[in-house]
mmCIF file of all heavy atoms, coordinates in Angstrom:
data_MODEL
# 
_entry.id   MODEL 
# 
loop_
_atom_site.group_PDB 
_atom_site.id 
_atom_site.type_symbol 
_atom_site.label_atom_id 
_atom_site.label_alt_id 
_atom_site.label_comp_id 
_atom_site.label_asym_id 
_atom_site.label_entity_id 
_atom_site.label_seq_id 
_atom_site.pdbx_PDB_ins_code 
_atom_site.Cartn_x 
_atom_site.Cartn_y 
_atom_site.Cartn_z 
_atom_site.occupancy 
_atom_site.B_iso_or_equiv 
_atom_site.pdbx_formal_charge 
_atom_site.auth_seq_id 
_atom_site.auth_comp_id 
_atom_site.auth_asym_id 
_atom_site.auth_atom_id 
_atom_site.pdbx_PDB_model_num 
ATOM 1   N N   . LYS A 1 1  ? -62.972 74.154 57.374 1.00 0.00 ? 1  LYS A N   1 
ATOM 2   C CA  . LYS A 1 1  ? -63.873 72.981 57.591 1.00 0.00 ? 1  LYS A CA  1 
ATOM 3   C C   . LYS A 1 1  ? -65.307 73.253 56.990 1.00 0.00 ? 1  LYS A C   1 
ATOM 4   O O   . LYS A 1 1  ? -65.890 72.366 56.350 1.00 0.00 ? 1  LYS A O   1 
ATOM 5   C CB  . LYS A 1 1  ? -63.990 72.665 59.060 1.00 0.00 ? 1  LYS A CB  1 
ATOM 6   C CG  . LYS A 1 1  ? -64.614 71.242 59.307 1.00 0.00 ? 1  LYS A CG  1 
ATOM 7   C CD  . LYS A 1 1  ? -64.399 70.911 60.757 1.00 0.00 ? 1  LYS A CD  1 
ATOM 8   C CE  . LYS A 1 1  ? -64.231 69.384 60.786 1.00 0.00 ? 1  LYS A CE  1 
ATOM 9   N NZ  . LYS A 1 1  ? -63.007 68.887 61.084 1.00 0.00 ? 1  LYS A NZ  1 
ATOM 10  N N   . CYS A 1 2  ? -65.691 74.456 57.052 1.00 0.00 ? 2  CYS A N   1 
ATOM 11  C CA  . CYS A 1 2  ? -67.067 74.728 56.556 1.00 0.00 ? 2  CYS A CA  1 
ATOM 12  C C   . CYS A 1 2  ? -67.062 75.420 55.155 1.00 0.00 ? 2  CYS A C   1 
ATOM 13  O O   . CYS A 1 2  ? -68.089 75.784 54.604 1.00 0.00 ? 2  CYS A O   1 
ATOM 14  C CB  . CYS A 1 2  ? -67.958 75.602 57.520 1.00 0.00 ? 2  CYS A CB  1 
ATOM 15  S SG  . CYS A 1 2  ? -67.341 77.274 57.693 1.00 0.00 ? 2  CYS A SG  1 
ATOM 16  N N   . GLY A 1 3  ? -65.833 75.475 54.562 1.00 0.00 ? 3  GLY A N   1 
ATOM 17  C CA  . GLY A 1 3  ? -65.715 75.935 53.181 1.00 0.00 ? 3  GLY A CA  1 
ATOM 18  C C   . GLY A 1 3  ? -65.736 77.411 52.944 1.00 0.00 ? 3  GLY A C   1 
ATOM 19  O O   . GLY A 1 3  ? -65.926 77.884 51.834 1.00 0.00 ? 3  GLY A O   1 
ATOM 20  N N   . ILE A 1 4  ? -65.586 78.206 53.975 1.00 0.00 ? 4  ILE A N   1 
ATOM 21  C CA  . ILE A 1 4  ? -65.619 79.648 53.813 1.00 0.00 ? 4  ILE A CA  1 
ATOM 22  C C   . ILE A 1 4  ? -64.308 80.148 53.301 1.00 0.00 ? 4  ILE A C   1 
ATOM 23  O O   . ILE A 1 4  ? -64.251 81.179 52.574 1.00 0.00 ? 4  ILE A O   1 
ATOM 24  C CB  . ILE A 1 4  ? -65.932 80.323 55.195 1.00 0.00 ? 4  ILE A CB  1 
ATOM 25  C CG1 . ILE A 1 4  ? -67.317 80.073 55.620 1.00 0.00 ? 4  ILE A CG1 1 
ATOM 26  C CG2 . ILE A 1 4  ? -65.648 81.774 55.190 1.00 0.00 ? 4  ILE A CG2 1 
ATOM 27  C CD1 . ILE A 1 4  ? -67.724 80.571 56.987 1.00 0.00 ? 4  ILE A CD1 1 
ATOM 28  N N   . VAL A 1 5  ? -63.234 79.533 53.617 1.00 0.00 ? 5  VAL A N   1 
ATOM 29  C CA  . VAL A 1 5  ? -61.883 80.103 53.259 1.00 0.00 ? 5  VAL A CA  1 
ATOM 30  C C   . VAL A 1 5  ? -61.035 78.958 52.715 1.00 0.00 ? 5  VAL A C   1 
ATOM 31  O O   . VAL A 1 5  ? -61.135 77.789 53.203 1.00 0.00 ? 5  VAL A O   1 
ATOM 32  C CB  . VAL A 1 5  ? -61.239 80.837 54.419 1.00 0.00 ? 5  VAL A CB  1 
ATOM 33  C CG1 . VAL A 1 5  ? -60.813 79.933 55.517 1.00 0.00 ? 5  VAL A CG1 1 
ATOM 34  C CG2 . VAL A 1 5  ? -60.077 81.697 53.945 1.00 0.00 ? 5  VAL A CG2 1 
ATOM 35  N N   . LYS A 1 6  ? -60.068 79.313 51.901 1.00 0.00 ? 6  LYS A N   1 
ATOM 36  C CA  . LYS A 1 6  ? -59.005 78.389 51.410 1.00 0.00 ? 6  LYS A CA  1 
ATOM 37  C C   . LYS A 1 6  ? -57.718 79.168 51.655 1.00 0.00 ? 6  LYS A C   1 
ATOM 38  O O   . LYS A 1 6  ? -57.690 80.297 51.965 1.00 0.00 ? 6  LYS A O   1 
ATOM 39  C CB  . LYS A 1 6  ? -59.157 78.098 49.937 1.00 0.00 ? 6  LYS A CB  1 
ATOM 40  C CG  . LYS A 1 6  ? -60.480 77.382 49.605 1.00 0.00 ? 6  LYS A CG  1 
ATOM 41  C CD  . LYS A 1 6  ? -60.654 77.208 48.108 1.00 0.00 ? 6  LYS A CD  1 
ATOM 42  C CE  . LYS A 1 6  ? -61.996 76.524 47.809 1.00 0.00 ? 6  LYS A CE  1 
ATOM 43  N NZ  . LYS A 1 6  ? -62.281 76.438 46.424 1.00 0.00 ? 6  LYS A NZ  1 
ATOM 44  N N   . GLY A 1 7  ? -56.629 78.426 51.431 1.00 0.00 ? 7  GLY A N   1 
ATOM 45  C CA  . GLY A 1 7  ? -55.307 79.036 51.578 1.00 0.00 ? 7  GLY A CA  1 
ATOM 46  C C   . GLY A 1 7  ? -54.904 79.818 50.348 1.00 0.00 ? 7  GLY A C   1 
ATOM 47  O O   . GLY A 1 7  ? -55.593 79.688 49.278 1.00 0.00 ? 7  GLY A O   1 
ATOM 48  N N   . ILE A 1 8  ? -53.884 80.590 50.421 1.00 0.00 ? 8  ILE A N   1 
ATOM 49  C CA  . ILE A 1 8  ? -53.348 81.320 49.205 1.00 0.00 ? 8  ILE A CA  1 
ATOM 50  C C   . ILE A 1 8  ? -52.578 80.320 48.309 1.00 0.00 ? 8  ILE A C   1 
ATOM 51  O O   . ILE A 1 8  ? -52.262 80.549 47.197 1.00 0.00 ? 8  ILE A O   1 
ATOM 52  C CB  . ILE A 1 8  ? -52.505 82.484 49.574 1.00 0.00 ? 8  ILE A CB  1 
ATOM 53  C CG1 . ILE A 1 8  ? -51.352 82.135 50.472 1.00 0.00 ? 8  ILE A CG1 1 
ATOM 54  C CG2 . ILE A 1 8  ? -53.377 83.651 50.234 1.00 0.00 ? 8  ILE A CG2 1 
ATOM 55  C CD1 . ILE A 1 8  ? -50.364 83.186 50.703 1.00 0.00 ? 8  ILE A CD1 1 
ATOM 56  N N   . SER A 1 9  ? -52.239 79.127 48.939 1.00 0.00 ? 9  SER A N   1 
ATOM 57  C CA  . SER A 1 9  ? -51.627 77.994 48.270 1.00 0.00 ? 9  SER A CA  1 
ATOM 58  C C   . SER A 1 9  ? -51.975 76.759 48.969 1.00 0.00 ? 9  SER A C   1 
ATOM 59  O O   . SER A 1 9  ? -52.551 76.849 50.061 1.00 0.00 ? 9  SER A O   1 
ATOM 60  C CB  . SER A 1 9  ? -50.156 78.201 48.098 1.00 0.00 ? 9  SER A CB  1 
ATOM 61  O OG  . SER A 1 9  ? -49.465 77.971 49.365 1.00 0.00 ? 9  SER A OG  1 
ATOM 62  N N   . ARG A 1 10 ? -51.546 75.658 48.536 1.00 0.00 ? 10 ARG A N   1 
ATOM 63  C CA  . ARG A 1 10 ? -51.813 74.442 49.325 1.00 0.00 ? 10 ARG A CA  1 
ATOM 64  C C   . ARG A 1 10 ? -51.104 74.394 50.639 1.00 0.00 ? 10 ARG A C   1 
ATOM 65  O O   . ARG A 1 10 ? -51.543 73.751 51.662 1.00 0.00 ? 10 ARG A O   1 
ATOM 66  C CB  . ARG A 1 10 ? -51.391 73.115 48.536 1.00 0.00 ? 10 ARG A CB  1 
ATOM 67  C CG  . ARG A 1 10 ? -52.180 72.931 47.338 1.00 0.00 ? 10 ARG A CG  1 
ATOM 68  C CD  . ARG A 1 10 ? -51.831 71.645 46.702 1.00 0.00 ? 10 ARG A CD  1 
ATOM 69  N NE  . ARG A 1 10 ? -52.977 70.768 46.667 1.00 0.00 ? 10 ARG A NE  1 
ATOM 70  C CZ  . ARG A 1 10 ? -52.968 69.582 46.030 1.00 0.00 ? 10 ARG A CZ  1 
ATOM 71  N NH1 . ARG A 1 10 ? -51.872 69.071 45.563 1.00 0.00 ? 10 ARG A NH1 1 
ATOM 72  N NH2 . ARG A 1 10 ? -54.161 68.912 46.003 1.00 0.00 ? 10 ARG A NH2 1 
ATOM 73  N N   . GLU A 1 11 ? -49.863 75.039 50.718 1.00 0.00 ? 11 GLU A N   1 
ATOM 74  C CA  . GLU A 1 11 ? -49.177 74.996 51.891 1.00 0.00 ? 11 GLU A CA  1 
ATOM 75  C C   . GLU A 1 11 ? -49.344 76.227 52.854 1.00 0.00 ? 11 GLU A C   1 
ATOM 76  O O   . GLU A 1 11 ? -49.081 76.155 53.983 1.00 0.00 ? 11 GLU A O   1 
ATOM 77  C CB  . GLU A 1 11 ? -47.613 74.997 51.607 1.00 0.00 ? 11 GLU A CB  1 
ATOM 78  C CG  . GLU A 1 11 ? -47.154 73.720 50.786 1.00 0.00 ? 11 GLU A CG  1 
ATOM 79  C CD  . GLU A 1 11 ? -47.512 73.853 49.298 1.00 0.00 ? 11 GLU A CD  1 
ATOM 80  O OE1 . GLU A 1 11 ? -47.568 74.962 48.782 1.00 0.00 ? 11 GLU A OE1 1 
ATOM 81  O OE2 . GLU A 1 11 ? -47.731 72.749 48.716 1.00 0.00 ? 11 GLU A OE2 1 
ATOM 82  N N   . SER A 1 12 ? -49.845 77.376 52.323 1.00 0.00 ? 12 SER A N   1 
ATOM 83  C CA  . SER A 1 12 ? -49.852 78.534 53.034 1.00 0.00 ? 12 SER A CA  1 
ATOM 84  C C   . SER A 1 12 ? -51.313 79.096 53.134 1.00 0.00 ? 12 SER A C   1 
ATOM 85  O O   . SER A 1 12 ? -52.015 79.232 52.138 1.00 0.00 ? 12 SER A O   1 
ATOM 86  C CB  . SER A 1 12 ? -48.959 79.611 52.375 1.00 0.00 ? 12 SER A CB  1 
ATOM 87  O OG  . SER A 1 12 ? -48.990 80.813 53.055 1.00 0.00 ? 12 SER A OG  1 
ATOM 88  N N   . PHE A 1 13 ? -51.663 79.599 54.323 1.00 0.00 ? 13 PHE A N   1 
ATOM 89  C CA  . PHE A 1 13 ? -52.932 80.249 54.497 1.00 0.00 ? 13 PHE A CA  1 
ATOM 90  C C   . PHE A 1 13 ? -52.727 81.688 54.239 1.00 0.00 ? 13 PHE A C   1 
ATOM 91  O O   . PHE A 1 13 ? -53.706 82.440 53.762 1.00 0.00 ? 13 PHE A O   1 
ATOM 92  C CB  . PHE A 1 13 ? -53.428 80.005 55.951 1.00 0.00 ? 13 PHE A CB  1 
ATOM 93  C CG  . PHE A 1 13 ? -54.721 80.805 56.133 1.00 0.00 ? 13 PHE A CG  1 
ATOM 94  C CD1 . PHE A 1 13 ? -55.882 80.391 55.595 1.00 0.00 ? 13 PHE A CD1 1 
ATOM 95  C CD2 . PHE A 1 13 ? -54.740 81.945 56.924 1.00 0.00 ? 13 PHE A CD2 1 
ATOM 96  C CE1 . PHE A 1 13 ? -57.132 81.123 55.763 1.00 0.00 ? 13 PHE A CE1 1 
ATOM 97  C CE2 . PHE A 1 13 ? -55.926 82.684 57.189 1.00 0.00 ? 13 PHE A CE2 1 
ATOM 98  C CZ  . PHE A 1 13 ? -57.069 82.298 56.557 1.00 0.00 ? 13 PHE A CZ  1 
ATOM 99  N N   . GLY A 1 14 ? -51.600 82.272 54.542 1.00 0.00 ? 14 GLY A N   1 
ATOM 100 C CA  . GLY A 1 14 ? -51.383 83.731 54.256 1.00 0.00 ? 14 GLY A CA  1 
ATOM 101 C C   . GLY A 1 14 ? -51.952 84.538 55.470 1.00 0.00 ? 14 GLY A C   1 
ATOM 102 O O   . GLY A 1 14 ? -52.539 85.646 55.169 1.00 0.00 ? 14 GLY A O   1 
ATOM 103 N N   . ALA A 1 15 ? -51.861 84.012 56.658 1.00 0.00 ? 15 ALA A N   1 
ATOM 104 C CA  . ALA A 1 15 ? -52.530 84.758 57.809 1.00 0.00 ? 15 ALA A CA  1 
ATOM 105 C C   . ALA A 1 15 ? -52.137 86.188 57.937 1.00 0.00 ? 15 ALA A C   1 
ATOM 106 O O   . ALA A 1 15 ? -53.041 86.981 58.268 1.00 0.00 ? 15 ALA A O   1 
ATOM 107 C CB  . ALA A 1 15 ? -52.194 83.972 59.138 1.00 0.00 ? 15 ALA A CB  1 
ATOM 108 N N   . ALA A 1 16 ? -50.955 86.515 57.770 1.00 0.00 ? 16 ALA A N   1 
ATOM 109 C CA  . ALA A 1 16 ? -50.438 87.935 57.970 1.00 0.00 ? 16 ALA A CA  1 
ATOM 110 C C   . ALA A 1 16 ? -50.690 88.842 56.757 1.00 0.00 ? 16 ALA A C   1 
ATOM 111 O O   . ALA A 1 16 ? -50.436 89.981 56.754 1.00 0.00 ? 16 ALA A O   1 
ATOM 112 C CB  . ALA A 1 16 ? -48.997 87.896 58.347 1.00 0.00 ? 16 ALA A CB  1 
ATOM 113 N N   . GLU A 1 17 ? -51.052 88.212 55.575 1.00 0.00 ? 17 GLU A N   1 
ATOM 114 C CA  . GLU A 1 17 ? -51.271 89.000 54.466 1.00 0.00 ? 17 GLU A CA  1 
ATOM 115 C C   . GLU A 1 17 ? -52.507 89.878 54.500 1.00 0.00 ? 17 GLU A C   1 
ATOM 116 O O   . GLU A 1 17 ? -53.490 89.405 55.130 1.00 0.00 ? 17 GLU A O   1 
ATOM 117 C CB  . GLU A 1 17 ? -51.386 88.141 53.163 1.00 0.00 ? 17 GLU A CB  1 
ATOM 118 C CG  . GLU A 1 17 ? -50.044 87.468 52.804 1.00 0.00 ? 17 GLU A CG  1 
ATOM 119 C CD  . GLU A 1 17 ? -50.095 86.896 51.351 1.00 0.00 ? 17 GLU A CD  1 
ATOM 120 O OE1 . GLU A 1 17 ? -51.036 87.119 50.639 1.00 0.00 ? 17 GLU A OE1 1 
ATOM 121 O OE2 . GLU A 1 17 ? -49.181 86.111 51.133 1.00 0.00 ? 17 GLU A OE2 1 
ATOM 122 N N   . LEU A 1 18 ? -52.528 91.038 53.964 1.00 0.00 ? 18 LEU A N   1 
ATOM 123 C CA  . LEU A 1 18 ? -53.737 91.892 54.006 1.00 0.00 ? 18 LEU A CA  1 
ATOM 124 C C   . LEU A 1 18 ? -54.769 91.232 53.030 1.00 0.00 ? 18 LEU A C   1 
ATOM 125 O O   . LEU A 1 18 ? -54.372 90.771 51.922 1.00 0.00 ? 18 LEU A O   1 
ATOM 126 C CB  . LEU A 1 18 ? -53.338 93.354 53.479 1.00 0.00 ? 18 LEU A CB  1 
ATOM 127 C CG  . LEU A 1 18 ? -52.340 94.012 54.345 1.00 0.00 ? 18 LEU A CG  1 
ATOM 128 C CD1 . LEU A 1 18 ? -52.111 95.434 53.809 1.00 0.00 ? 18 LEU A CD1 1 
ATOM 129 C CD2 . LEU A 1 18 ? -52.752 94.078 55.847 1.00 0.00 ? 18 LEU A CD2 1 
ATOM 130 N N   . ILE A 1 19 ? -55.973 91.269 53.453 1.00 0.00 ? 19 ILE A N   1 
ATOM 131 C CA  . ILE A 1 19 ? -57.028 90.691 52.630 1.00 0.00 ? 19 ILE A CA  1 
ATOM 132 C C   . ILE A 1 19 ? -57.429 91.669 51.543 1.00 0.00 ? 19 ILE A C   1 
ATOM 133 O O   . ILE A 1 19 ? -57.583 92.863 51.801 1.00 0.00 ? 19 ILE A O   1 
ATOM 134 C CB  . ILE A 1 19 ? -58.286 90.244 53.504 1.00 0.00 ? 19 ILE A CB  1 
ATOM 135 C CG1 . ILE A 1 19 ? -59.180 89.370 52.674 1.00 0.00 ? 19 ILE A CG1 1 
ATOM 136 C CG2 . ILE A 1 19 ? -58.951 91.445 54.058 1.00 0.00 ? 19 ILE A CG2 1 
ATOM 137 C CD1 . ILE A 1 19 ? -60.161 88.564 53.519 1.00 0.00 ? 19 ILE A CD1 1 
ATOM 138 N N   . SER A 1 20 ? -57.621 91.149 50.338 1.00 0.00 ? 20 SER A N   1 
ATOM 139 C CA  . SER A 1 20 ? -58.102 91.971 49.272 1.00 0.00 ? 20 SER A CA  1 
ATOM 140 C C   . SER A 1 20 ? -59.568 92.135 49.390 1.00 0.00 ? 20 SER A C   1 
ATOM 141 O O   . SER A 1 20 ? -60.298 91.404 49.945 1.00 0.00 ? 20 SER A O   1 
ATOM 142 C CB  . SER A 1 20 ? -57.723 91.404 47.946 1.00 0.00 ? 20 SER A CB  1 
ATOM 143 O OG  . SER A 1 20 ? -58.485 90.239 47.721 1.00 0.00 ? 20 SER A OG  1 
ATOM 144 N N   . ARG A 1 21 ? -60.054 93.234 48.797 1.00 0.00 ? 21 ARG A N   1 
ATOM 145 C CA  . ARG A 1 21 ? -61.540 93.461 48.786 1.00 0.00 ? 21 ARG A CA  1 
ATOM 146 C C   . ARG A 1 21 ? -62.313 92.359 48.121 1.00 0.00 ? 21 ARG A C   1 
ATOM 147 O O   . ARG A 1 21 ? -63.412 91.934 48.547 1.00 0.00 ? 21 ARG A O   1 
ATOM 148 C CB  . ARG A 1 21 ? -61.804 94.773 48.172 1.00 0.00 ? 21 ARG A CB  1 
ATOM 149 C CG  . ARG A 1 21 ? -61.313 95.987 49.054 1.00 0.00 ? 21 ARG A CG  1 
ATOM 150 C CD  . ARG A 1 21 ? -61.139 97.289 48.213 1.00 0.00 ? 21 ARG A CD  1 
ATOM 151 N NE  . ARG A 1 21 ? -62.445 97.847 47.671 1.00 0.00 ? 21 ARG A NE  1 
ATOM 152 C CZ  . ARG A 1 21 ? -63.260 98.616 48.294 1.00 0.00 ? 21 ARG A CZ  1 
ATOM 153 N NH1 . ARG A 1 21 ? -62.906 99.136 49.533 1.00 0.00 ? 21 ARG A NH1 1 
ATOM 154 N NH2 . ARG A 1 21 ? -64.325 99.041 47.778 1.00 0.00 ? 21 ARG A NH2 1 
ATOM 155 N N   . GLU A 1 22 ? -61.780 91.745 46.976 1.00 0.00 ? 22 GLU A N   1 
ATOM 156 C CA  . GLU A 1 22 ? -62.479 90.687 46.374 1.00 0.00 ? 22 GLU A CA  1 
ATOM 157 C C   . GLU A 1 22 ? -62.446 89.417 47.147 1.00 0.00 ? 22 GLU A C   1 
ATOM 158 O O   . GLU A 1 22 ? -63.454 88.742 47.244 1.00 0.00 ? 22 GLU A O   1 
ATOM 159 C CB  . GLU A 1 22 ? -61.924 90.521 44.933 1.00 0.00 ? 22 GLU A CB  1 
ATOM 160 C CG  . GLU A 1 22 ? -60.523 89.950 44.778 1.00 0.00 ? 22 GLU A CG  1 
ATOM 161 C CD  . GLU A 1 22 ? -60.104 89.747 43.304 1.00 0.00 ? 22 GLU A CD  1 
ATOM 162 O OE1 . GLU A 1 22 ? -60.862 90.113 42.388 1.00 0.00 ? 22 GLU A OE1 1 
ATOM 163 O OE2 . GLU A 1 22 ? -58.937 89.281 43.210 1.00 0.00 ? 22 GLU A OE2 1 
ATOM 164 N N   . ASP A 1 23 ? -61.364 89.168 47.853 1.00 0.00 ? 23 ASP A N   1 
ATOM 165 C CA  . ASP A 1 23 ? -61.283 87.902 48.660 1.00 0.00 ? 23 ASP A CA  1 
ATOM 166 C C   . ASP A 1 23 ? -62.211 88.081 49.907 1.00 0.00 ? 23 ASP A C   1 
ATOM 167 O O   . ASP A 1 23 ? -62.889 87.096 50.260 1.00 0.00 ? 23 ASP A O   1 
ATOM 168 C CB  . ASP A 1 23 ? -59.944 87.647 49.161 1.00 0.00 ? 23 ASP A CB  1 
ATOM 169 C CG  . ASP A 1 23 ? -58.998 86.967 48.109 1.00 0.00 ? 23 ASP A CG  1 
ATOM 170 O OD1 . ASP A 1 23 ? -59.568 86.709 47.008 1.00 0.00 ? 23 ASP A OD1 1 
ATOM 171 O OD2 . ASP A 1 23 ? -57.816 86.797 48.297 1.00 0.00 ? 23 ASP A OD2 1 
ATOM 172 N N   . LEU A 1 24 ? -62.298 89.270 50.453 1.00 0.00 ? 24 LEU A N   1 
ATOM 173 C CA  . LEU A 1 24 ? -63.241 89.497 51.575 1.00 0.00 ? 24 LEU A CA  1 
ATOM 174 C C   . LEU A 1 24 ? -64.703 89.258 51.102 1.00 0.00 ? 24 LEU A C   1 
ATOM 175 O O   . LEU A 1 24 ? -65.478 88.567 51.819 1.00 0.00 ? 24 LEU A O   1 
ATOM 176 C CB  . LEU A 1 24 ? -63.102 90.984 52.011 1.00 0.00 ? 24 LEU A CB  1 
ATOM 177 C CG  . LEU A 1 24 ? -63.967 91.559 52.997 1.00 0.00 ? 24 LEU A CG  1 
ATOM 178 C CD1 . LEU A 1 24 ? -63.171 92.671 53.797 1.00 0.00 ? 24 LEU A CD1 1 
ATOM 179 C CD2 . LEU A 1 24 ? -65.193 92.196 52.438 1.00 0.00 ? 24 LEU A CD2 1 
ATOM 180 N N   . THR A 1 25 ? -64.989 89.679 49.870 1.00 0.00 ? 25 THR A N   1 
ATOM 181 C CA  . THR A 1 25 ? -66.322 89.518 49.399 1.00 0.00 ? 25 THR A CA  1 
ATOM 182 C C   . THR A 1 25 ? -66.692 88.027 49.145 1.00 0.00 ? 25 THR A C   1 
ATOM 183 O O   . THR A 1 25 ? -67.729 87.493 49.443 1.00 0.00 ? 25 THR A O   1 
ATOM 184 C CB  . THR A 1 25 ? -66.590 90.353 48.146 1.00 0.00 ? 25 THR A CB  1 
ATOM 185 O OG1 . THR A 1 25 ? -66.256 91.630 48.421 1.00 0.00 ? 25 THR A OG1 1 
ATOM 186 C CG2 . THR A 1 25 ? -68.000 90.262 47.673 1.00 0.00 ? 25 THR A CG2 1 
ATOM 187 N N   . VAL A 1 26 ? -65.664 87.270 48.536 1.00 0.00 ? 26 VAL A N   1 
ATOM 188 C CA  . VAL A 1 26 ? -65.847 85.837 48.358 1.00 0.00 ? 26 VAL A CA  1 
ATOM 189 C C   . VAL A 1 26 ? -66.057 85.135 49.698 1.00 0.00 ? 26 VAL A C   1 
ATOM 190 O O   . VAL A 1 26 ? -66.962 84.237 49.784 1.00 0.00 ? 26 VAL A O   1 
ATOM 191 C CB  . VAL A 1 26 ? -64.561 85.271 47.627 1.00 0.00 ? 26 VAL A CB  1 
ATOM 192 C CG1 . VAL A 1 26 ? -64.595 83.731 47.664 1.00 0.00 ? 26 VAL A CG1 1 
ATOM 193 C CG2 . VAL A 1 26 ? -64.518 85.735 46.191 1.00 0.00 ? 26 VAL A CG2 1 
ATOM 194 N N   . MET A 1 27 ? -65.289 85.430 50.690 1.00 0.00 ? 27 MET A N   1 
ATOM 195 C CA  . MET A 1 27 ? -65.472 84.766 51.943 1.00 0.00 ? 27 MET A CA  1 
ATOM 196 C C   . MET A 1 27 ? -66.821 85.058 52.656 1.00 0.00 ? 27 MET A C   1 
ATOM 197 O O   . MET A 1 27 ? -67.449 84.199 53.221 1.00 0.00 ? 27 MET A O   1 
ATOM 198 C CB  . MET A 1 27 ? -64.308 85.163 52.849 1.00 0.00 ? 27 MET A CB  1 
ATOM 199 C CG  . MET A 1 27 ? -62.974 84.511 52.590 1.00 0.00 ? 27 MET A CG  1 
ATOM 200 S SD  . MET A 1 27 ? -61.530 85.353 53.297 1.00 0.00 ? 27 MET A SD  1 
ATOM 201 C CE  . MET A 1 27 ? -61.758 84.964 55.026 1.00 0.00 ? 27 MET A CE  1 
ATOM 202 N N   . CYS A 1 28 ? -67.299 86.326 52.478 1.00 0.00 ? 28 CYS A N   1 
ATOM 203 C CA  . CYS A 1 28 ? -68.650 86.646 52.915 1.00 0.00 ? 28 CYS A CA  1 
ATOM 204 C C   . CYS A 1 28 ? -69.696 85.902 52.143 1.00 0.00 ? 28 CYS A C   1 
ATOM 205 O O   . CYS A 1 28 ? -70.728 85.461 52.682 1.00 0.00 ? 28 CYS A O   1 
ATOM 206 C CB  . CYS A 1 28 ? -68.852 88.170 52.803 1.00 0.00 ? 28 CYS A CB  1 
ATOM 207 S SG  . CYS A 1 28 ? -68.002 89.130 54.062 1.00 0.00 ? 28 CYS A SG  1 
ATOM 208 N N   . ALA A 1 29 ? -69.567 85.739 50.781 1.00 0.00 ? 29 ALA A N   1 
ATOM 209 C CA  . ALA A 1 29 ? -70.517 85.070 49.994 1.00 0.00 ? 29 ALA A CA  1 
ATOM 210 C C   . ALA A 1 29 ? -70.547 83.580 50.378 1.00 0.00 ? 29 ALA A C   1 
ATOM 211 O O   . ALA A 1 29 ? -71.666 82.990 50.558 1.00 0.00 ? 29 ALA A O   1 
ATOM 212 C CB  . ALA A 1 29 ? -70.180 85.176 48.531 1.00 0.00 ? 29 ALA A CB  1 
ATOM 213 N N   . ARG A 1 30 ? -69.410 83.011 50.712 1.00 0.00 ? 30 ARG A N   1 
ATOM 214 C CA  . ARG A 1 30 ? -69.409 81.557 51.138 1.00 0.00 ? 30 ARG A CA  1 
ATOM 215 C C   . ARG A 1 30 ? -70.052 81.495 52.522 1.00 0.00 ? 30 ARG A C   1 
ATOM 216 O O   . ARG A 1 30 ? -70.716 80.361 52.824 1.00 0.00 ? 30 ARG A O   1 
ATOM 217 C CB  . ARG A 1 30 ? -67.918 81.093 51.189 1.00 0.00 ? 30 ARG A CB  1 
ATOM 218 C CG  . ARG A 1 30 ? -67.298 80.904 49.802 1.00 0.00 ? 30 ARG A CG  1 
ATOM 219 C CD  . ARG A 1 30 ? -65.876 80.450 49.903 1.00 0.00 ? 30 ARG A CD  1 
ATOM 220 N NE  . ARG A 1 30 ? -65.225 80.298 48.606 1.00 0.00 ? 30 ARG A NE  1 
ATOM 221 C CZ  . ARG A 1 30 ? -63.911 80.395 48.520 1.00 0.00 ? 30 ARG A CZ  1 
ATOM 222 N NH1 . ARG A 1 30 ? -63.124 80.683 49.502 1.00 0.00 ? 30 ARG A NH1 1 
ATOM 223 N NH2 . ARG A 1 30 ? -63.384 80.302 47.247 1.00 0.00 ? 30 ARG A NH2 1 
# 
């Protein structure tokens, strides 16, 4: 809702997937 995160696809959030270092940084930047 606040634009910090998106899914790994339109249908999937990927909750159980390990977060990559670059995705972690993107989410922190957002």
